[in-house]
Amino acid sequence: MSIQSILLPVFIQVALIFGICFRMLYVRNAKPGGGDPEPGRLAGDSFNNQFEIPVLFFALIPLAILTRQAGHLFVVMEWIFVLSRIAHAFVHVTSNRQPARGLLWILGVATLLAMWIVFAIGILFPPSVAPL
């Protein structure tokens, strides 16, 4: 896989984090001293959430690149993780409805766990190369 295809989901995840940050700043400062504090709280909670499970995503990517473990399956799982995070954040800062938000969170966590398992198997049990 090309470095661009491996890193594009990372760039999208980073853009999501900054987008939520800017939304949080906007809704918290849009009506100083008045208005509904709930949108600001939800945006803040969603922003904080981006520094929980996604930290494991950000740790895994450079390891997968350095060890050449980022193949097609890995990149597909990256996209599933990032798209689940986008959907989770959207639900979080809008309706904040359960169980939708919880199911999206579980999808992302399960995908990230699968990414770590695939990575670990590739490192611990590399394909054997037959001697010539």
N, C-alpha and C. Protein backbone atom coordinates (compact mmCIF):
# COMPACT_ATOMS: atom_id res chain seq x y z
N MET A 1 0.83 -1.18 0.00
CA MET A 1 0.00 0.00 0.00
C MET A 1 0.88 1.25 0.00
N SER A 2 0.37 2.27 -0.65
CA SER A 2 1.12 3.52 -0.67
C SER A 2 0.98 4.24 0.66
N ILE A 3 1.97 5.05 0.96
CA ILE A 3 1.95 5.81 2.21
C ILE A 3 0.74 6.76 2.22
N GLN A 4 0.37 7.28 1.05
CA GLN A 4 -0.78 8.18 0.97
C GLN A 4 -2.07 7.46 1.36
N SER A 5 -2.27 6.24 0.86
CA SER A 5 -3.50 5.52 1.18
C SER A 5 -3.52 5.08 2.64
N ILE A 6 -2.37 4.87 3.23
CA ILE A 6 -2.31 4.51 4.65
C ILE A 6 -2.59 5.74 5.52
N LEU A 7 -2.06 6.88 5.12
CA LEU A 7 -2.18 8.07 5.97
C LEU A 7 -3.44 8.90 5.72
N LEU A 8 -4.12 8.72 4.59
CA LEU A 8 -5.33 9.52 4.34
C LEU A 8 -6.37 9.37 5.46
N PRO A 9 -6.68 8.15 5.94
CA PRO A 9 -7.63 8.06 7.06
C PRO A 9 -7.12 8.78 8.32
N VAL A 10 -5.82 8.80 8.53
CA VAL A 10 -5.25 9.51 9.68
C VAL A 10 -5.51 11.01 9.53
N PHE A 11 -5.27 11.53 8.32
CA PHE A 11 -5.52 12.95 8.09
C PHE A 11 -6.99 13.30 8.31
N ILE A 12 -7.88 12.41 7.89
CA ILE A 12 -9.32 12.64 8.08
C ILE A 12 -9.65 12.63 9.57
N GLN A 13 -9.07 11.70 10.31
CA GLN A 13 -9.31 11.65 11.77
C GLN A 13 -8.80 12.92 12.44
N VAL A 14 -7.64 13.40 12.03
CA VAL A 14 -7.10 14.64 12.59
C VAL A 14 -8.03 15.81 12.24
N ALA A 15 -8.52 15.86 11.01
CA ALA A 15 -9.45 16.92 10.60
C ALA A 15 -10.73 16.86 11.43
N LEU A 16 -11.20 15.66 11.72
CA LEU A 16 -12.39 15.51 12.57
C LEU A 16 -12.14 16.12 13.95
N ILE A 17 -10.99 15.84 14.52
CA ILE A 17 -10.66 16.37 15.85
C ILE A 17 -10.64 17.89 15.83
N PHE A 18 -9.98 18.47 14.83
CA PHE A 18 -9.96 19.93 14.75
C PHE A 18 -11.35 20.49 14.49
N GLY A 19 -12.15 19.81 13.67
CA GLY A 19 -13.52 20.25 13.41
C GLY A 19 -14.35 20.29 14.68
N ILE A 20 -14.24 19.25 15.48
CA ILE A 20 -14.97 19.22 16.75
C ILE A 20 -14.44 20.31 17.69
N CYS A 21 -13.14 20.53 17.69
CA CYS A 21 -12.55 21.58 18.51
C CYS A 21 -13.11 22.95 18.14
N PHE A 22 -13.15 23.23 16.84
CA PHE A 22 -13.68 24.53 16.39
C PHE A 22 -15.17 24.66 16.69
N ARG A 23 -15.91 23.55 16.55
CA ARG A 23 -17.34 23.59 16.89
C ARG A 23 -17.51 23.87 18.38
N MET A 24 -16.72 23.21 19.20
CA MET A 24 -16.79 23.42 20.64
C MET A 24 -16.52 24.89 20.98
N LEU A 25 -15.48 25.46 20.40
CA LEU A 25 -15.16 26.87 20.65
C LEU A 25 -16.28 27.78 20.19
N TYR A 26 -16.85 27.47 19.02
CA TYR A 26 -17.93 28.30 18.49
C TYR A 26 -19.17 28.26 19.38
N VAL A 27 -19.64 27.05 19.71
CA VAL A 27 -20.89 26.96 20.47
C VAL A 27 -20.72 27.45 21.90
N ARG A 28 -19.53 27.34 22.43
CA ARG A 28 -19.31 27.84 23.79
C ARG A 28 -19.21 29.37 23.83
N ASN A 29 -18.84 29.97 22.72
CA ASN A 29 -18.65 31.42 22.69
C ASN A 29 -19.67 32.17 21.86
N ALA A 30 -20.64 31.46 21.26
CA ALA A 30 -21.61 32.09 20.37
C ALA A 30 -22.52 33.04 21.14
N LYS A 31 -22.95 32.65 22.33
CA LYS A 31 -23.85 33.47 23.13
C LYS A 31 -23.28 33.61 24.54
N PRO A 32 -22.33 34.51 24.70
CA PRO A 32 -21.74 34.67 26.03
C PRO A 32 -22.79 35.03 27.08
N GLY A 33 -22.77 34.29 28.16
CA GLY A 33 -23.66 34.59 29.27
C GLY A 33 -25.10 34.16 29.09
N GLY A 34 -25.41 33.45 28.02
CA GLY A 34 -26.80 33.05 27.82
C GLY A 34 -26.90 31.88 26.87
N GLY A 35 -28.09 31.44 26.66
CA GLY A 35 -28.30 30.34 25.74
C GLY A 35 -28.20 28.99 26.42
N ASP A 36 -28.40 27.97 25.64
CA ASP A 36 -28.39 26.60 26.13
C ASP A 36 -26.95 26.10 26.22
N PRO A 37 -26.48 25.71 27.42
CA PRO A 37 -25.10 25.22 27.54
C PRO A 37 -24.90 23.80 27.00
N GLU A 38 -25.99 23.09 26.69
CA GLU A 38 -25.90 21.69 26.28
C GLU A 38 -25.06 21.48 25.01
N PRO A 39 -25.24 22.27 23.94
CA PRO A 39 -24.39 22.05 22.75
C PRO A 39 -22.89 22.18 23.05
N GLY A 40 -22.54 23.13 23.90
CA GLY A 40 -21.13 23.29 24.26
C GLY A 40 -20.61 22.11 25.07
N ARG A 41 -21.45 21.59 25.95
CA ARG A 41 -21.05 20.42 26.74
C ARG A 41 -20.88 19.20 25.84
N LEU A 42 -21.84 19.00 24.92
CA LEU A 42 -21.75 17.85 24.02
C LEU A 42 -20.52 17.94 23.13
N ALA A 43 -20.25 19.13 22.60
CA ALA A 43 -19.06 19.30 21.76
C ALA A 43 -17.79 19.06 22.57
N GLY A 44 -17.77 19.54 23.81
CA GLY A 44 -16.61 19.32 24.68
C GLY A 44 -16.42 17.85 25.01
N ASP A 45 -17.52 17.16 25.30
CA ASP A 45 -17.44 15.72 25.57
C ASP A 45 -16.94 14.96 24.34
N SER A 46 -17.44 15.35 23.16
CA SER A 46 -17.02 14.69 21.93
C SER A 46 -15.53 14.96 21.65
N PHE A 47 -15.10 16.19 21.90
CA PHE A 47 -13.69 16.54 21.72
C PHE A 47 -12.82 15.71 22.66
N ASN A 48 -13.21 15.62 23.93
CA ASN A 48 -12.44 14.80 24.88
C ASN A 48 -12.41 13.34 24.46
N ASN A 49 -13.51 12.86 23.91
CA ASN A 49 -13.60 11.47 23.47
C ASN A 49 -12.60 11.15 22.37
N GLN A 50 -12.18 12.15 21.61
CA GLN A 50 -11.23 11.94 20.52
C GLN A 50 -9.81 11.67 21.04
N PHE A 51 -9.63 11.79 22.34
CA PHE A 51 -8.30 11.52 22.92
C PHE A 51 -8.35 10.30 23.83
N GLU A 52 -9.32 9.45 23.59
CA GLU A 52 -9.43 8.20 24.33
C GLU A 52 -9.05 7.05 23.38
N ILE A 53 -10.00 6.38 22.80
CA ILE A 53 -9.73 5.25 21.90
C ILE A 53 -8.87 5.64 20.68
N PRO A 54 -9.09 6.81 20.05
CA PRO A 54 -8.26 7.15 18.89
C PRO A 54 -6.76 7.21 19.18
N VAL A 55 -6.36 7.37 20.43
CA VAL A 55 -4.93 7.36 20.77
C VAL A 55 -4.30 6.03 20.34
N LEU A 56 -5.04 4.94 20.53
CA LEU A 56 -4.53 3.63 20.12
C LEU A 56 -4.41 3.52 18.59
N PHE A 57 -5.31 4.21 17.89
CA PHE A 57 -5.24 4.27 16.42
C PHE A 57 -3.99 5.02 16.00
N PHE A 58 -3.77 6.18 16.61
CA PHE A 58 -2.60 6.99 16.25
C PHE A 58 -1.29 6.30 16.62
N ALA A 59 -1.29 5.47 17.64
CA ALA A 59 -0.09 4.72 18.01
C ALA A 59 0.18 3.58 17.03
N LEU A 60 -0.87 2.97 16.52
CA LEU A 60 -0.73 1.80 15.66
C LEU A 60 -0.22 2.15 14.26
N ILE A 61 -0.65 3.25 13.72
CA ILE A 61 -0.33 3.57 12.32
C ILE A 61 1.17 3.64 12.06
N PRO A 62 1.95 4.41 12.83
CA PRO A 62 3.39 4.42 12.53
C PRO A 62 4.05 3.05 12.72
N LEU A 63 3.57 2.28 13.69
CA LEU A 63 4.12 0.94 13.88
C LEU A 63 3.85 0.07 12.66
N ALA A 64 2.63 0.15 12.14
CA ALA A 64 2.26 -0.65 10.96
C ALA A 64 3.07 -0.21 9.74
N ILE A 65 3.32 1.08 9.61
CA ILE A 65 4.12 1.58 8.48
C ILE A 65 5.56 1.10 8.61
N LEU A 66 6.15 1.28 9.79
CA LEU A 66 7.56 0.91 9.99
C LEU A 66 7.81 -0.58 9.82
N THR A 67 6.83 -1.39 10.18
CA THR A 67 7.01 -2.84 10.09
C THR A 67 6.41 -3.43 8.81
N ARG A 68 5.92 -2.56 7.93
CA ARG A 68 5.33 -2.97 6.66
C ARG A 68 4.14 -3.93 6.85
N GLN A 69 3.32 -3.64 7.85
CA GLN A 69 2.15 -4.46 8.15
C GLN A 69 0.85 -3.80 7.68
N ALA A 70 0.94 -2.68 6.98
CA ALA A 70 -0.25 -1.94 6.56
C ALA A 70 -0.64 -2.33 5.14
N GLY A 71 -1.28 -3.48 5.01
CA GLY A 71 -1.75 -3.96 3.71
C GLY A 71 -3.17 -3.50 3.42
N HIS A 72 -3.78 -4.13 2.43
CA HIS A 72 -5.13 -3.74 2.01
C HIS A 72 -6.15 -3.89 3.14
N LEU A 73 -6.14 -5.03 3.82
CA LEU A 73 -7.09 -5.25 4.92
C LEU A 73 -6.92 -4.19 5.99
N PHE A 74 -5.68 -3.85 6.31
CA PHE A 74 -5.38 -2.84 7.33
C PHE A 74 -6.00 -1.49 6.94
N VAL A 75 -5.83 -1.10 5.69
CA VAL A 75 -6.35 0.20 5.23
C VAL A 75 -7.88 0.20 5.23
N VAL A 76 -8.49 -0.92 4.85
CA VAL A 76 -9.95 -1.02 4.91
C VAL A 76 -10.42 -0.84 6.35
N MET A 77 -9.73 -1.49 7.27
CA MET A 77 -10.11 -1.35 8.69
C MET A 77 -9.87 0.08 9.19
N GLU A 78 -8.83 0.73 8.69
CA GLU A 78 -8.61 2.14 9.05
C GLU A 78 -9.84 2.97 8.68
N TRP A 79 -10.31 2.77 7.45
CA TRP A 79 -11.47 3.53 6.98
C TRP A 79 -12.72 3.23 7.79
N ILE A 80 -12.92 1.97 8.13
CA ILE A 80 -14.09 1.62 8.95
C ILE A 80 -13.99 2.33 10.30
N PHE A 81 -12.80 2.31 10.89
CA PHE A 81 -12.62 2.99 12.18
C PHE A 81 -12.90 4.48 12.06
N VAL A 82 -12.29 5.14 11.09
CA VAL A 82 -12.44 6.58 10.95
C VAL A 82 -13.89 6.96 10.61
N LEU A 83 -14.53 6.22 9.72
CA LEU A 83 -15.93 6.52 9.40
C LEU A 83 -16.83 6.31 10.60
N SER A 84 -16.53 5.30 11.42
CA SER A 84 -17.32 5.10 12.64
C SER A 84 -17.11 6.25 13.61
N ARG A 85 -15.89 6.78 13.66
CA ARG A 85 -15.61 7.93 14.55
C ARG A 85 -16.33 9.19 14.06
N ILE A 86 -16.38 9.38 12.75
CA ILE A 86 -17.10 10.53 12.20
C ILE A 86 -18.58 10.43 12.53
N ALA A 87 -19.16 9.25 12.30
CA ALA A 87 -20.58 9.06 12.59
C ALA A 87 -20.85 9.19 14.09
N HIS A 88 -19.97 8.63 14.91
CA HIS A 88 -20.12 8.74 16.36
C HIS A 88 -20.09 10.20 16.80
N ALA A 89 -19.13 10.96 16.28
CA ALA A 89 -19.02 12.38 16.65
C ALA A 89 -20.25 13.16 16.19
N PHE A 90 -20.76 12.85 14.99
CA PHE A 90 -21.95 13.53 14.49
C PHE A 90 -23.14 13.30 15.42
N VAL A 91 -23.34 12.05 15.79
CA VAL A 91 -24.45 11.73 16.71
C VAL A 91 -24.20 12.40 18.06
N HIS A 92 -22.96 12.37 18.52
CA HIS A 92 -22.62 12.93 19.83
C HIS A 92 -22.94 14.41 19.91
N VAL A 93 -22.60 15.18 18.88
CA VAL A 93 -22.78 16.64 18.96
C VAL A 93 -24.16 17.10 18.47
N THR A 94 -24.97 16.19 17.94
CA THR A 94 -26.31 16.58 17.48
C THR A 94 -27.36 15.97 18.41
N SER A 95 -27.90 14.83 18.06
CA SER A 95 -28.99 14.25 18.84
C SER A 95 -28.52 13.56 20.11
N ASN A 96 -27.27 13.08 20.12
CA ASN A 96 -26.69 12.34 21.23
C ASN A 96 -27.56 11.14 21.61
N ARG A 97 -28.18 10.52 20.62
CA ARG A 97 -29.11 9.41 20.84
C ARG A 97 -28.38 8.10 21.09
N GLN A 98 -28.88 7.40 22.11
CA GLN A 98 -28.48 6.03 22.35
C GLN A 98 -29.62 5.15 21.85
N PRO A 99 -29.43 4.00 21.31
CA PRO A 99 -28.17 3.25 21.26
C PRO A 99 -27.31 3.57 20.05
N ALA A 100 -27.73 4.49 19.16
CA ALA A 100 -26.96 4.74 17.94
C ALA A 100 -25.51 5.11 18.25
N ARG A 101 -25.34 6.04 19.17
CA ARG A 101 -23.98 6.47 19.51
C ARG A 101 -23.17 5.31 20.07
N GLY A 102 -23.77 4.52 20.94
CA GLY A 102 -23.08 3.38 21.53
C GLY A 102 -22.69 2.33 20.51
N LEU A 103 -23.59 2.07 19.57
CA LEU A 103 -23.28 1.08 18.52
C LEU A 103 -22.14 1.55 17.63
N LEU A 104 -22.12 2.84 17.31
CA LEU A 104 -21.02 3.38 16.50
C LEU A 104 -19.70 3.31 17.26
N TRP A 105 -19.76 3.57 18.56
CA TRP A 105 -18.56 3.47 19.39
C TRP A 105 -18.05 2.04 19.40
N ILE A 106 -18.95 1.08 19.59
CA ILE A 106 -18.57 -0.33 19.62
C ILE A 106 -17.97 -0.76 18.27
N LEU A 107 -18.57 -0.30 17.17
CA LEU A 107 -18.03 -0.61 15.84
C LEU A 107 -16.59 -0.12 15.73
N GLY A 108 -16.34 1.10 16.15
CA GLY A 108 -14.98 1.64 16.09
C GLY A 108 -14.01 0.89 16.97
N VAL A 109 -14.41 0.59 18.19
CA VAL A 109 -13.53 -0.12 19.12
C VAL A 109 -13.25 -1.54 18.61
N ALA A 110 -14.29 -2.23 18.13
CA ALA A 110 -14.10 -3.59 17.61
C ALA A 110 -13.18 -3.59 16.39
N THR A 111 -13.33 -2.59 15.54
CA THR A 111 -12.46 -2.48 14.36
C THR A 111 -11.02 -2.22 14.77
N LEU A 112 -10.83 -1.32 15.72
CA LEU A 112 -9.48 -1.02 16.18
C LEU A 112 -8.85 -2.23 16.86
N LEU A 113 -9.64 -2.96 17.63
CA LEU A 113 -9.14 -4.19 18.24
C LEU A 113 -8.71 -5.18 17.16
N ALA A 114 -9.52 -5.33 16.12
CA ALA A 114 -9.17 -6.22 15.00
C ALA A 114 -7.88 -5.76 14.33
N MET A 115 -7.71 -4.45 14.17
CA MET A 115 -6.48 -3.92 13.57
C MET A 115 -5.27 -4.31 14.41
N TRP A 116 -5.37 -4.17 15.74
CA TRP A 116 -4.27 -4.54 16.61
C TRP A 116 -3.99 -6.04 16.57
N ILE A 117 -5.04 -6.85 16.49
CA ILE A 117 -4.86 -8.31 16.42
C ILE A 117 -4.17 -8.70 15.12
N VAL A 118 -4.65 -8.14 14.01
CA VAL A 118 -4.02 -8.43 12.70
C VAL A 118 -2.56 -7.99 12.71
N PHE A 119 -2.30 -6.82 13.26
CA PHE A 119 -0.93 -6.32 13.35
C PHE A 119 -0.07 -7.26 14.20
N ALA A 120 -0.56 -7.63 15.37
CA ALA A 120 0.20 -8.49 16.28
C ALA A 120 0.48 -9.85 15.65
N ILE A 121 -0.51 -10.42 14.98
CA ILE A 121 -0.31 -11.72 14.32
C ILE A 121 0.75 -11.60 13.23
N GLY A 122 0.69 -10.50 12.46
CA GLY A 122 1.68 -10.30 11.40
C GLY A 122 3.09 -10.16 11.93
N ILE A 123 3.23 -9.59 13.12
CA ILE A 123 4.55 -9.42 13.73
C ILE A 123 5.02 -10.71 14.41
N LEU A 124 4.14 -11.33 15.16
CA LEU A 124 4.51 -12.50 15.96
C LEU A 124 4.61 -13.78 15.13
N PHE A 125 3.84 -13.85 14.06
CA PHE A 125 3.83 -15.05 13.23
C PHE A 125 3.99 -14.67 11.76
N PRO A 126 5.17 -14.16 11.39
CA PRO A 126 5.37 -13.75 10.00
C PRO A 126 5.29 -14.96 9.06
N PRO A 127 4.85 -14.73 7.83
CA PRO A 127 4.81 -15.85 6.90
C PRO A 127 6.21 -16.41 6.71
N SER A 128 6.29 -17.72 6.72
CA SER A 128 7.61 -18.34 6.56
C SER A 128 8.02 -18.28 5.09
N VAL A 129 9.28 -18.09 4.91
CA VAL A 129 9.84 -18.03 3.56
C VAL A 129 10.59 -19.35 3.35
N ALA A 130 10.20 -20.09 2.33
CA ALA A 130 10.84 -21.37 2.04
C ALA A 130 12.26 -21.13 1.53
N PRO A 131 13.23 -21.89 2.03
CA PRO A 131 14.60 -21.73 1.53
C PRO A 131 14.69 -22.19 0.07
N LEU A 132 15.57 -21.54 -0.65
CA LEU A 132 15.77 -21.90 -2.07
C LEU A 132 16.63 -23.10 -2.24
